[in-house]
Amino acid sequence: MFFPFFFDFSIILLIPAVIFAGWAQLKVKSSFAKYSKVRAGRGVTARQVARLLLDSYGLQRIPVRQVGGQLTDNYNPREKTLNLSENVYNSSSIAAIGVAAHETGHAIQDLKNYAPMRIRNAIVPVANLGSGLAFPLFFIGLLFQASGLMTLGILVFVAVLLFHLVTLPVELDASSRALRILDNRSVLSSEELRGARAVLNAAALTYVAATVMAAAQLVRLLVLRNMFGGDE
């Protein structure tokens, strides 16, 4: 019935999602690498752009910090900090400025009390718990033919999928805000905006891919539950 490590034929359900996720990762890396080599005409750095945009919305209290790693940029709504990665912080490339503006978009969402962002922040603890518990619960139930545990694992995993579904509009809206304010503030020219848009669109694909992967995982769990759940 099963191969070692719970490998079974249902894993083929994940193959399209894995391929899509891999392609999305390559797309964002290649787009970022391409436009990291193109300097913005105004010569400002990503840090300066983030500071300018935050201040223009009255968000002087939010610091712009440098963090380690690559593409680890984020806005922390609990600490109220905007964090830019090492290869973005002091860069004046179109890619870096686009990323900084995107994270500023999240800060503006926070300021505007953007509903999807509030929902995402509220379910983060549940989603984190679900990502750690869903598969152990499910596969313990699978081993012992305990359909109740399998069902519980599925229900917990639904929270993970919900998190990804809510994340999509949050990320897409942040990119939309970023491009709009870069244009309105004349930070980038029309030509440069096209490059920033390419980077942010590629980044958005990774969130779509994560959602597709979560949905495929859920379908796989449901298939296994129906096939091997048994009766209690």
Protein backbone atom coordinates (compact mmCIF):
# COMPACT_ATOMS: atom_id res chain seq x y z
CA MET A 1 0.00 0.00 0.00
CA PHE A 2 2.78 2.47 0.89
CA PHE A 3 6.43 2.86 0.06
CA PRO A 4 8.90 4.13 2.71
CA PHE A 5 8.36 7.66 4.01
CA PHE A 6 4.71 7.58 2.97
CA PHE A 7 5.50 7.72 -0.73
CA ASP A 8 2.47 6.62 -2.71
CA PHE A 9 0.95 7.25 -6.09
CA SER A 10 -1.06 10.23 -4.83
CA ILE A 11 2.15 12.24 -4.71
CA ILE A 12 1.79 12.74 -8.47
CA LEU A 13 -0.90 15.26 -7.57
CA LEU A 14 1.89 17.52 -6.32
CA ILE A 15 4.08 17.33 -9.42
CA PRO A 16 2.43 20.19 -11.39
CA ALA A 17 2.51 22.41 -8.29
CA VAL A 18 6.19 21.58 -7.66
CA ILE A 19 7.08 22.40 -11.27
CA PHE A 20 5.15 25.68 -11.10
CA ALA A 21 6.82 26.60 -7.80
CA GLY A 22 10.26 25.87 -9.21
CA TRP A 23 9.55 27.96 -12.30
CA ALA A 24 8.26 30.84 -10.13
CA GLN A 25 11.43 30.79 -8.02
CA LEU A 26 13.61 30.86 -11.13
CA LYS A 27 11.51 33.69 -12.55
CA VAL A 28 11.87 35.91 -9.49
CA LYS A 29 15.59 35.23 -9.17
CA SER A 30 16.27 35.93 -12.84
CA SER A 31 14.13 39.09 -12.85
CA PHE A 32 15.78 40.39 -9.70
CA ALA A 33 19.25 39.58 -11.05
CA LYS A 34 18.49 41.31 -14.36
CA TYR A 35 17.18 44.55 -12.87
CA SER A 36 19.72 44.56 -10.05
CA LYS A 37 22.19 45.54 -12.75
CA VAL A 38 20.12 48.53 -13.88
CA ARG A 39 20.64 51.66 -11.80
CA ALA A 40 17.83 54.16 -11.33
CA GLY A 41 18.40 57.50 -13.02
CA ARG A 42 17.93 59.51 -9.83
CA GLY A 43 20.70 57.58 -8.10
CA VAL A 44 18.78 57.14 -4.85
CA THR A 45 19.15 53.96 -2.79
CA ALA A 46 16.39 51.58 -1.74
CA ARG A 47 16.80 52.76 1.85
CA GLN A 48 16.37 56.38 0.81
CA VAL A 49 13.30 55.56 -1.27
CA ALA A 50 11.70 53.65 1.59
CA ARG A 51 12.39 56.55 3.94
CA LEU A 52 11.00 59.08 1.47
CA LEU A 53 7.82 57.12 0.86
CA LEU A 54 7.23 56.36 4.53
CA ASP A 55 7.71 60.01 5.49
CA SER A 56 5.33 61.14 2.75
CA TYR A 57 2.60 59.13 4.50
CA GLY A 58 3.49 60.47 7.95
CA LEU A 59 5.21 57.25 8.98
CA GLN A 60 8.40 58.83 10.33
CA ARG A 61 8.19 56.55 13.39
CA ILE A 62 8.85 53.45 11.28
CA PRO A 63 12.60 52.76 11.01
CA VAL A 64 14.19 51.32 7.89
CA ARG A 65 16.62 48.60 8.95
CA GLN A 66 19.10 46.32 7.25
CA VAL A 67 18.71 42.57 7.82
CA GLY A 68 20.81 39.61 6.78
CA GLY A 69 20.17 37.27 3.89
CA GLN A 70 18.95 37.71 0.34
CA LEU A 71 15.35 38.57 -0.53
CA THR A 72 14.50 38.56 3.19
CA ASP A 73 12.87 41.98 2.90
CA ASN A 74 9.74 42.47 4.99
CA TYR A 75 7.53 44.85 6.89
CA ASN A 76 6.93 43.74 10.48
CA PRO A 77 3.47 44.96 11.56
CA ARG A 78 4.02 44.04 15.21
CA GLU A 79 7.34 45.83 15.65
CA LYS A 80 6.46 48.53 13.08
CA THR A 81 9.78 48.18 11.26
CA LEU A 82 10.62 48.02 7.56
CA ASN A 83 13.47 45.59 6.97
CA LEU A 84 15.57 45.47 3.80
CA SER A 85 18.04 42.72 2.95
CA GLU A 86 21.76 43.28 2.49
CA ASN A 87 21.64 43.33 -1.31
CA VAL A 88 18.70 45.78 -1.32
CA TYR A 89 19.36 48.27 1.50
CA ASN A 90 22.10 50.39 -0.08
CA SER A 91 21.42 49.49 -3.70
CA SER A 92 20.22 52.06 -6.23
CA SER A 93 19.03 49.42 -8.70
CA ILE A 94 15.52 49.34 -10.11
CA ALA A 95 14.99 45.91 -8.55
CA ALA A 96 16.00 47.08 -5.06
CA ILE A 97 13.85 50.22 -5.27
CA GLY A 98 10.87 48.14 -6.39
CA VAL A 99 11.32 45.78 -3.43
CA ALA A 100 11.67 48.67 -0.98
CA ALA A 101 8.53 50.31 -2.35
CA HIS A 102 6.66 47.00 -2.08
CA GLU A 103 7.51 46.70 1.62
CA THR A 104 6.50 50.34 2.07
CA GLY A 105 3.20 49.32 0.50
CA HIS A 106 2.69 46.92 3.41
CA ALA A 107 3.37 49.73 5.89
CA ILE A 108 0.74 51.84 4.14
CA GLN A 109 -1.69 48.91 4.28
CA ASP A 110 -1.10 48.82 8.03
CA LEU A 111 -1.71 52.56 8.26
CA LYS A 112 -4.92 52.29 6.24
CA ASN A 113 -6.13 49.29 8.25
CA TYR A 114 -6.33 47.21 5.07
CA ALA A 115 -8.76 44.39 5.86
CA PRO A 116 -7.00 41.42 4.15
CA MET A 117 -3.78 42.34 5.96
CA ARG A 118 -5.60 42.39 9.30
CA ILE A 119 -7.11 38.99 8.56
CA ARG A 120 -3.71 37.57 7.57
CA ASN A 121 -2.04 38.90 10.70
CA ALA A 122 -4.82 37.43 12.84
CA ILE A 123 -4.50 33.92 11.41
CA VAL A 124 -0.68 33.77 11.37
CA PRO A 125 -0.47 31.91 14.75
CA VAL A 126 -3.09 29.38 13.64
CA ALA A 127 -1.40 28.91 10.26
CA ASN A 128 2.00 28.41 11.89
CA LEU A 129 0.52 25.85 14.26
CA GLY A 130 -1.27 24.17 11.40
CA SER A 131 1.84 23.88 9.24
CA GLY A 132 3.61 22.07 12.09
CA LEU A 133 0.77 19.80 13.19
CA ALA A 134 -1.30 18.99 10.11
CA PHE A 135 0.93 16.34 8.52
CA PRO A 136 1.97 14.58 11.76
CA LEU A 137 -1.69 14.33 12.81
CA PHE A 138 -2.75 13.10 9.40
CA PHE A 139 -0.04 10.48 8.92
CA ILE A 140 -0.35 9.15 12.48
CA GLY A 141 -4.02 8.70 11.73
CA LEU A 142 -3.11 7.06 8.43
CA LEU A 143 -0.74 4.60 10.11
CA PHE A 144 -3.29 3.59 12.70
CA GLN A 145 -6.31 3.83 10.41
CA ALA A 146 -7.75 6.50 12.71
CA SER A 147 -9.98 8.50 10.41
CA GLY A 148 -10.70 11.04 13.15
CA LEU A 149 -7.03 12.02 13.39
CA MET A 150 -6.78 12.17 9.61
CA THR A 151 -9.79 14.47 9.45
CA LEU A 152 -8.34 16.65 12.20
CA GLY A 153 -5.08 16.94 10.28
CA ILE A 154 -7.01 18.04 7.20
CA LEU A 155 -9.01 20.63 9.13
CA VAL A 156 -5.81 22.04 10.65
CA PHE A 157 -4.23 22.23 7.20
CA VAL A 158 -7.21 24.23 5.91
CA ALA A 159 -5.94 27.09 8.07
CA VAL A 160 -2.65 26.95 6.16
CA LEU A 161 -4.44 27.16 2.83
CA LEU A 162 -6.60 30.02 4.12
CA PHE A 163 -3.44 31.90 5.09
CA HIS A 164 -2.07 31.55 1.55
CA LEU A 165 -5.38 32.62 0.03
CA VAL A 166 -5.49 35.77 2.17
CA THR A 167 -1.82 36.49 1.48
CA LEU A 168 -2.42 36.81 -2.27
CA PRO A 169 -4.50 40.03 -2.22
CA VAL A 170 -2.20 41.48 0.45
CA GLU A 171 0.90 41.00 -1.71
CA LEU A 172 -0.75 42.06 -4.96
CA ASP A 173 -2.14 45.21 -3.35
CA ALA A 174 1.27 46.10 -1.85
CA SER A 175 2.86 45.84 -5.30
CA SER A 176 0.09 47.92 -6.85
CA ARG A 177 0.57 50.61 -4.20
CA ALA A 178 4.35 50.47 -4.71
CA LEU A 179 4.20 51.07 -8.44
CA ARG A 180 1.61 53.80 -8.05
CA ILE A 181 3.57 55.81 -5.51
CA LEU A 182 6.85 55.35 -7.38
CA ASP A 183 5.12 56.86 -10.39
CA ASN A 184 3.33 59.63 -8.46
CA ARG A 185 6.51 60.66 -6.64
CA SER A 186 8.54 60.47 -9.87
CA VAL A 187 11.07 58.18 -8.19
CA LEU A 188 11.35 56.10 -11.36
CA SER A 189 10.85 56.98 -14.99
CA SER A 190 8.26 55.18 -17.13
CA GLU A 191 10.94 52.90 -18.54
CA GLU A 192 12.31 52.14 -15.08
CA LEU A 193 8.81 51.45 -13.78
CA ARG A 194 8.47 48.66 -16.32
CA GLY A 195 11.51 46.99 -14.83
CA ALA A 196 10.22 47.39 -11.27
CA ARG A 197 6.87 45.97 -12.37
CA ALA A 198 8.59 42.93 -13.91
CA VAL A 199 10.38 42.24 -10.61
CA LEU A 200 7.24 42.62 -8.50
CA ASN A 201 5.11 40.55 -10.89
CA ALA A 202 7.69 37.77 -10.73
CA ALA A 203 7.66 37.96 -6.92
CA ALA A 204 3.85 37.71 -6.96
CA LEU A 205 4.14 34.42 -8.84
CA THR A 206 5.88 32.87 -5.84
CA TYR A 207 2.82 33.60 -3.68
CA VAL A 208 0.53 32.15 -6.33
CA ALA A 209 2.76 29.07 -6.45
CA ALA A 210 2.64 28.69 -2.67
CA THR A 211 -1.15 28.82 -2.78
CA VAL A 212 -1.30 26.27 -5.58
CA MET A 213 1.04 23.98 -3.64
CA ALA A 214 -1.08 24.23 -0.49
CA ALA A 215 -4.23 23.48 -2.50
CA ALA A 216 -2.56 20.45 -4.10
CA GLN A 217 -1.45 19.22 -0.68
CA LEU A 218 -4.99 19.53 0.62
CA VAL A 219 -6.37 17.59 -2.36
CA ARG A 220 -3.80 14.87 -1.76
CA LEU A 221 -4.76 14.59 1.91
CA LEU A 222 -8.44 14.33 0.97
CA VAL A 223 -7.68 11.59 -1.57
CA LEU A 224 -5.68 9.60 0.99
CA ARG A 225 -8.39 10.12 3.61
CA ASN A 226 -11.05 8.76 1.26
CA MET A 227 -8.91 5.81 0.21
CA PHE A 228 -7.47 4.69 3.53
CA GLY A 229 -9.53 6.37 6.23
CA GLY A 230 -11.54 3.32 7.07
CA ASP A 231 -14.32 3.36 9.66
CA GLU A 232 -13.95 3.91 13.37
